[in-house]
Every structure is written in C-alpha cells, then in structure tokens.
Protein backbone atom coordinates (compact mmCIF):
# COMPACT_ATOMS: atom_id res chain seq x y z
CA MET A 1 5.01 -34.21 13.00
CA ALA A 2 2.89 -33.22 9.98
CA ALA A 3 1.50 -30.25 11.90
CA MET A 4 5.04 -29.13 12.71
CA LEU A 5 6.08 -29.32 9.04
CA LEU A 6 2.98 -27.37 8.01
CA ALA A 7 3.71 -24.67 10.60
CA GLY A 8 7.32 -24.45 9.39
CA ALA A 9 6.23 -24.20 5.75
CA LEU A 10 3.90 -21.30 6.62
CA ALA A 11 6.52 -19.50 8.71
CA ILE A 12 9.03 -19.19 5.86
CA PRO A 13 6.79 -17.15 3.50
CA ILE A 14 5.48 -15.02 6.37
CA ALA A 15 9.00 -14.23 7.60
CA SER A 16 10.00 -13.08 4.13
CA CYS A 17 7.10 -10.58 3.97
CA GLY A 18 8.60 -7.94 6.25
CA PHE A 19 8.05 -4.22 6.18
CA ALA A 20 10.17 -2.19 3.78
CA ASN A 21 11.49 1.22 4.78
CA HIS A 22 11.47 3.51 1.75
CA SER A 23 13.11 6.54 3.32
CA GLY A 24 15.15 7.40 0.26
CA SER A 25 18.41 7.25 2.15
CA THR A 26 21.51 5.77 0.60
CA ALA A 27 24.81 4.53 1.95
CA SER A 28 26.20 8.06 1.57
CA ASN A 29 23.18 9.53 3.37
CA PRO A 30 22.00 7.16 6.09
CA PRO A 31 18.78 8.07 7.96
CA SER A 32 20.70 9.35 10.99
CA GLU A 33 22.24 12.06 8.78
CA ALA A 34 18.94 13.19 7.23
CA PRO A 35 18.25 16.82 8.09
CA SER A 36 15.67 17.24 10.82
CA ILE A 37 12.89 19.79 10.49
CA GLU A 38 12.18 21.99 13.48
CA GLY A 39 8.79 23.70 13.52
CA SER A 40 8.72 27.44 14.13
CA GLY A 41 5.28 27.43 15.74
CA ARG A 42 3.97 29.73 12.98
CA PHE A 43 0.97 28.76 10.87
CA LEU A 44 -0.84 29.97 7.76
CA SER A 45 -4.56 30.54 7.72
CA GLY A 46 -7.01 30.94 4.89
CA GLU A 47 -7.61 30.13 1.25
CA PHE A 48 -5.13 31.05 -1.45
CA LEU A 49 -5.37 30.87 -5.24
CA LEU A 50 -2.43 29.97 -7.47
CA THR A 51 -1.94 33.09 -9.62
CA GLN A 52 1.60 32.81 -10.97
CA VAL A 53 4.07 30.06 -11.85
CA ASP A 54 7.57 31.00 -12.95
CA ASP A 55 9.62 28.03 -14.12
CA VAL A 56 13.04 28.55 -15.68
CA TYR A 57 12.91 25.15 -17.38
CA GLY A 58 9.18 24.80 -18.11
CA SER A 59 6.45 26.30 -20.16
CA LYS A 60 5.41 29.89 -19.51
CA THR A 61 1.72 28.97 -19.69
CA ASN A 62 0.06 26.98 -16.94
CA PRO A 63 -3.50 25.68 -17.36
CA THR A 64 -4.08 25.45 -13.60
CA LEU A 65 -3.60 29.18 -12.90
CA GLY A 66 -6.69 30.50 -11.17
CA GLN A 67 -8.05 26.96 -10.83
CA THR A 68 -5.83 25.61 -8.07
CA SER A 69 -6.64 26.59 -4.51
CA TYR A 70 -4.59 26.03 -1.37
CA ASN A 71 -6.26 25.97 2.06
CA PHE A 72 -4.27 26.19 5.28
CA ASP A 73 -5.59 26.28 8.82
CA GLU A 74 -3.96 27.16 12.11
CA SER A 75 -4.15 23.55 13.34
CA GLY A 76 -1.65 22.53 10.62
CA SER A 77 -4.09 21.00 8.12
CA PHE A 78 -3.60 21.52 4.40
CA ARG A 79 -5.74 21.02 1.28
CA ARG A 80 -4.85 21.69 -2.37
CA GLN A 81 -7.56 21.37 -5.00
CA ASN A 82 -7.94 21.82 -8.74
CA LYS A 83 -10.66 20.60 -11.13
CA SER A 84 -9.72 16.91 -10.98
CA ARG A 85 -7.52 16.39 -7.91
CA VAL A 86 -7.77 17.00 -4.16
CA GLU A 87 -4.68 16.57 -1.98
CA GLU A 88 -4.94 16.66 1.82
CA GLY A 89 -2.47 16.46 4.64
CA VAL A 90 -0.59 18.55 7.15
CA TYR A 91 2.07 21.23 6.98
CA LEU A 92 4.57 23.07 9.12
CA ILE A 93 6.74 26.13 8.77
CA SER A 94 10.31 25.42 9.81
CA THR A 95 12.59 27.73 11.74
CA GLN A 96 14.42 28.32 8.42
CA ALA A 97 11.24 29.79 6.80
CA GLU A 98 10.61 26.61 4.85
CA LEU A 99 7.07 25.36 4.19
CA VAL A 100 6.99 21.56 4.49
CA ILE A 101 3.82 19.87 3.22
CA TYR A 102 3.01 16.23 3.94
CA ILE A 103 0.41 14.95 1.44
CA GLU A 104 -1.46 12.07 3.12
CA LYS A 105 -4.54 11.68 0.87
CA ILE A 106 -5.20 12.11 -2.84
CA ASN A 107 -8.86 12.24 -3.92
CA GLY A 108 -9.85 10.78 -0.54
CA GLU A 109 -7.52 7.77 -0.84
CA LEU A 110 -5.03 7.42 2.01
CA LEU A 111 -1.45 7.03 0.74
CA THR A 112 0.73 4.26 2.19
CA GLU A 113 3.43 6.85 2.81
CA ALA A 114 3.09 10.63 2.96
CA ARG A 115 4.55 12.55 0.02
CA VAL A 116 6.73 15.44 1.21
CA GLU A 117 7.03 18.79 -0.57
CA ARG A 118 9.45 21.47 0.63
CA TYR A 119 9.42 25.13 -0.37
CA SER A 120 11.26 28.26 0.72
CA LEU A 121 8.52 30.56 1.98
CA GLU A 122 8.12 34.32 1.52
CA GLU A 123 5.02 35.96 3.03
CA SER A 124 3.34 39.31 2.42
CA ALA A 125 0.00 40.73 3.58
CA ASP A 126 -2.04 39.34 0.67
CA SER A 127 0.10 36.56 -0.81
CA ILE A 128 2.69 33.88 -0.21
CA THR A 129 5.50 32.91 -2.55
CA LEU A 130 6.80 29.37 -2.62
CA LEU A 131 10.27 28.84 -4.07
CA ILE A 132 11.64 25.52 -5.28
CA GLY A 133 15.38 26.05 -5.54
CA THR A 134 16.23 28.85 -7.94
CA SER A 135 14.28 27.48 -10.88
CA ARG A 136 10.62 27.58 -9.85
CA LYS A 137 8.36 30.07 -8.08
CA LEU A 138 4.65 29.77 -7.19
CA VAL A 139 2.68 32.84 -6.13
CA LEU A 140 -0.49 32.28 -4.11
CA LYS A 141 -2.88 35.20 -3.54
CA ARG A 142 -5.19 35.30 -0.56
CA ARG A 143 -8.87 34.94 -1.52
C-alpha cells in the first residue's frame, strides 16, 4: 500500500511536466491556418559581407557593416558571423522568392527551438538584397 501511494505521489508531478508547444499561434490563428512554406529547390552558395543597412525607423549608422559575414551552401546550411556572435542553421528559398532562415545554434549552443527569420529576396550577380517589409533592407555583397 505504501509503495502504491509513493508511486501515485510521483506520478502527479511528472504528469504536470508536459511539453509546451510555443508555436506563436493564437485563437485567431490556429496552427492549421499558419502559412506553409514551399521550397523552390533553389539555393545560394558562397560568402557574403553585409555592406548596407537601410532602416526607415533606425539609425543610419551600423557598427556591424563590413564585419558581418553570411555563408550559404548548396546543401541548405547557413552561418552568420560577426566579431562576437556566430549563428548557424539551415535555410530555404520559397517559391515566393522568400529567404527563410532557421537559426539552430548561437555561439555553438543548440537552441531549444529554432529561431525563424523571413526576408523577401532579390538576387543579382554580385549581391543579394534582403527586405523586411517596407522598412528595412540589408545588402550583402559576394566576397
């Protein structure tokens, strides 16, 4: 009987420690209505250097210009690095010309949940432009 009570006492705290789903959905936007991302099959390749940041709402000077590099490979791996931070993960280019980056590690530490960044993508021969809405633009030049 004492063993049964002990087992029951342990089961209650364990049952209350379930997994939480932090998908960011709300009652007005349940997970089934979240937009799906369809990969285009296109990939970026090479190292790029952040050379320009235009931000309608922010400062016109950016201390990371020329110090932040982006590396993409054709297998879908991604790495962004500046003097003090390294972010690693995977990326895809959607059929709507959107670059979707999934940050999985920061400074070698695996995140519990990937951080997602989405940009409208414009490509040219020697650079790529990443747009965040209408307020922010990043220009990356091929090294």
